[in-house]
Each structure stands twice: as structure tokens, then as C-alpha cells.
Protein backbone atom coordinates (compact mmCIF):
# COMPACT_ATOMS: atom_id res chain seq x y z
CA MET A 1 0.00 0.00 0.00
CA LYS A 2 2.80 2.44 0.92
CA ARG A 3 4.65 1.73 -2.32
CA GLY A 4 1.48 2.38 -4.30
CA LEU A 5 0.99 5.75 -2.62
CA VAL A 6 4.60 6.74 -3.33
CA ILE A 7 4.20 5.79 -6.99
CA LEU A 8 0.93 7.70 -7.22
CA PHE A 9 2.50 10.75 -5.58
CA VAL A 10 5.56 10.63 -7.84
CA ALA A 11 3.40 10.22 -10.94
CA ALA A 12 1.24 13.18 -9.90
CA MET A 13 4.29 15.35 -9.26
CA LEU A 14 5.88 14.34 -12.57
CA GLY A 15 2.60 15.26 -14.26
CA VAL A 16 2.57 18.66 -12.59
CA GLY A 17 6.22 19.20 -13.52
CA MET A 18 5.56 18.19 -17.12
CA PHE A 19 2.54 20.52 -17.26
CA PHE A 20 4.56 23.51 -16.05
CA GLY A 21 7.44 22.52 -18.32
CA SER A 22 5.22 22.32 -21.38
CA GLN A 23 3.63 25.67 -20.51
CA GLN A 24 7.09 27.22 -20.27
CA MET A 25 8.11 25.67 -23.60
CA LEU A 26 5.07 27.12 -25.35
CA GLN A 27 5.98 30.64 -24.24
CA PRO A 28 9.14 32.53 -25.14
CA CYS A 29 11.50 32.00 -22.24
CA ASP A 30 13.34 34.83 -20.57
CA CYS A 31 15.21 32.80 -17.97
CA THR A 32 16.58 35.94 -16.34
CA ASN A 33 13.04 37.00 -15.43
CA THR A 34 11.97 34.69 -12.59
CA THR A 35 8.51 36.28 -12.36
CA GLN A 36 7.47 34.00 -15.24
CA MET A 37 8.59 30.88 -13.40
CA PRO A 38 6.04 28.86 -11.39
CA VAL A 39 6.25 29.64 -7.68
CA GLU A 40 4.75 27.50 -4.94
CA SER A 41 5.27 28.15 -1.22
CA GLY A 42 8.04 30.59 -2.10
CA SER A 43 9.94 27.99 -4.14
CA LEU A 44 10.88 28.40 -7.77
CA LEU A 45 11.18 24.63 -7.96
CA PRO A 46 7.89 23.15 -6.75
CA GLU A 47 8.56 20.03 -8.80
CA LEU A 48 11.43 19.18 -6.45
CA GLN A 49 9.46 19.45 -3.23
CA TRP A 50 8.23 15.85 -3.52
CA LEU A 51 11.84 14.74 -3.65
CA LYS A 52 12.83 16.66 -0.56
CA LEU A 53 9.80 15.51 1.41
CA SER A 54 9.54 11.88 0.36
CA LEU A 55 13.27 11.12 0.62
CA HIS A 56 13.85 13.36 3.66
CA LEU A 57 16.71 15.25 2.03
CA THR A 58 18.79 17.54 4.19
CA ASP A 59 19.03 21.19 3.22
CA SER A 60 22.55 20.55 1.92
CA GLN A 61 21.40 17.60 -0.21
CA PHE A 62 18.44 19.57 -1.52
CA GLU A 63 20.67 22.49 -2.50
CA LYS A 64 22.92 20.13 -4.51
CA VAL A 65 19.88 18.57 -6.21
CA ARG A 66 18.44 22.02 -6.89
CA THR A 67 21.72 23.18 -8.45
CA LEU A 68 21.85 20.11 -10.69
CA HIS A 69 18.21 20.58 -11.66
CA LEU A 70 18.73 24.22 -12.63
CA ALA A 71 21.87 23.33 -14.59
CA TYR A 72 20.03 20.57 -16.48
CA GLN A 73 17.00 22.69 -17.43
CA PRO A 74 18.65 24.45 -20.44
CA LYS A 75 19.90 21.11 -21.81
CA CYS A 76 16.44 19.60 -21.37
CA ALA A 77 14.78 22.58 -23.06
CA GLU A 78 17.19 22.38 -25.98
CA LEU A 79 16.56 18.66 -26.42
CA CYS A 80 12.80 19.18 -26.22
CA GLN A 81 12.99 21.85 -28.90
CA ARG A 82 14.99 19.51 -31.12
CA VAL A 83 12.38 16.77 -30.57
CA GLN A 84 9.60 19.17 -31.57
CA HIS A 85 11.44 20.12 -34.77
CA SER A 86 12.17 16.47 -35.53
CA ASP A 87 8.54 15.49 -34.98
CA GLN A 88 7.36 18.34 -37.19
CA ALA A 89 9.76 17.41 -40.01
CA LEU A 90 8.77 13.74 -39.75
CA GLN A 91 5.05 14.60 -39.80
CA GLU A 92 5.47 16.86 -42.83
CA SER A 93 7.52 14.29 -44.73
CA ALA A 94 5.18 11.42 -43.91
CA SER A 95 2.17 13.52 -44.95
CA ARG A 96 3.62 14.21 -48.39
CA SER A 97 3.53 10.54 -49.40
CA ARG A 98 1.41 7.44 -49.16
CA THR A 99 4.40 5.10 -49.18
CA MET A 100 7.57 4.70 -47.15
CA THR A 101 10.18 7.02 -48.62
CA ASP A 102 13.90 7.34 -48.03
CA ASP A 103 13.24 10.73 -46.45
CA VAL A 104 10.76 9.30 -43.94
CA THR A 105 13.16 6.46 -43.13
CA LYS A 106 15.97 8.98 -42.59
CA LEU A 107 13.79 11.18 -40.37
CA LEU A 108 12.63 8.15 -38.36
CA ARG A 109 16.27 7.21 -37.72
CA GLU A 110 17.10 10.78 -36.73
CA ARG A 111 14.12 10.81 -34.35
CA ALA A 112 15.20 7.48 -32.81
CA ASP A 113 18.75 8.81 -32.35
CA LEU A 114 17.39 11.95 -30.74
CA THR A 115 15.20 9.89 -28.41
CA GLN A 116 18.28 7.92 -27.36
CA GLU A 117 20.23 11.15 -26.80
CA CYS A 118 17.41 12.51 -24.62
CA GLN A 119 17.21 9.32 -22.57
CA GLN A 120 20.97 9.25 -22.07
CA ALA A 121 21.03 12.89 -20.95
CA MET A 122 18.14 12.33 -18.53
CA LEU A 123 19.68 9.14 -17.18
CA GLN A 124 22.99 10.95 -16.61
CA HIS A 125 21.10 13.70 -14.76
CA VAL A 126 19.25 11.14 -12.62
CA TYR A 127 22.51 9.40 -11.69
CA GLU A 128 24.12 12.74 -10.79
CA THR A 129 21.09 13.57 -8.66
CA ALA A 130 21.24 10.19 -6.91
CA ALA A 131 24.92 10.79 -6.15
CA CYS A 132 23.85 13.71 -3.90
CA MET A 133 22.05 11.29 -1.62
CA VAL A 134 22.99 8.64 0.91
CA PRO A 135 22.70 5.08 -0.49
CA ASP A 136 19.23 4.36 0.96
CA GLN A 137 17.81 7.61 -0.42
CA ALA A 138 19.51 7.07 -3.78
CA ASP A 139 18.12 3.53 -4.03
CA ARG A 140 14.58 4.74 -3.33
CA TYR A 141 14.97 7.64 -5.76
CA LEU A 142 16.31 5.42 -8.55
CA LYS A 143 13.65 2.77 -7.95
CA THR A 144 10.98 5.45 -8.33
CA VAL A 145 12.42 7.47 -11.20
CA LEU A 146 14.24 4.98 -13.44
CA PRO A 147 11.10 3.30 -14.80
CA HIS A 148 9.87 6.70 -16.00
CA VAL A 149 13.24 7.71 -17.47
CA LEU A 150 13.59 4.39 -19.27
CA GLY A 151 10.00 4.41 -20.49
CA ALA A 152 9.18 1.25 -18.57
CA ALA A 153 6.85 2.79 -15.96
CA HIS A 154 3.85 0.93 -17.36
CA ALA A 155 5.65 -2.43 -17.01
CA THR A 156 6.32 -2.04 -13.28
CA HIS A 157 2.66 -2.12 -12.20
């Protein structure tokens, strides 16, 4: 029962984080202007509060995680933008034909490579985040987050 509640909570928080992230991506970003950033309980990083609370991170650990998270955001945004462009190019190319073309095949391969690049970057970020924690916290964090990062979250239920 406890594991189920943790998974539900993590999924809800990931959903909230993804919502705010997608909203930010749809608007021009001026990262120097923090008034556009979502604020909850005085925090510019409400998506990290679940991590601090559920894993009982110390202030020092949380600051390290926060720093990593802020450093990763531009890389994530850049990868997301590249995915959007890739998806758009693939959709346009596939819509121009009723058969498999070399162009569609090439764009599918590029999209697959980009997906792999995104997963590798996220996995690296997750491992760096886990390294800020004591082993028990890191194990719980990885057990919760890895299925989502690896796209296997549906297989763990």
C-alpha cells in the first residue's frame, strides 16, 4: 500500500512538472526574469518538493539537487525543442507521401537517435542527482524514477 501511494504521488508530481514545463516551452522563455517561473510556497522549484519531502533530504542535499536541476533545465529545453522540430519534419515528410520514402526512413532514424540522446542525458542527470544522496535515499529515488526515465513505468505495475 505504501509503495502504491509513493508511486501515485511521484506520478502526480511528474505530471505537474511536465505541465509547467510544457507551458514554459510554449511561451518565449526569458530565464533571467523569474517572475514567469512557477512559484509555490516561495519555491521556484515546486517540482522538487516531492523529492525533498519523500526522501527526507537535508538542506545541503536539496541544495545540490536544486543546483543540478537548474543546470540541467537548459539542456532539457534544448533537447525538447529539437524533438519538436524532428517530430514536425517527420510529420510533414510522412504527410507528403502514401508510401515509405527514403526521407521518412531517414527522419525516423534521426528521431530514434534523438530519443536515445534525450534518454541518455536524462539518465545521466538522474545518476548525478542520486549521487547527492545517501545510499538508501539514492536507491529509493532510482527505484521510483528509473522506470519513468527508461520508459518502462507501465511495465512495473
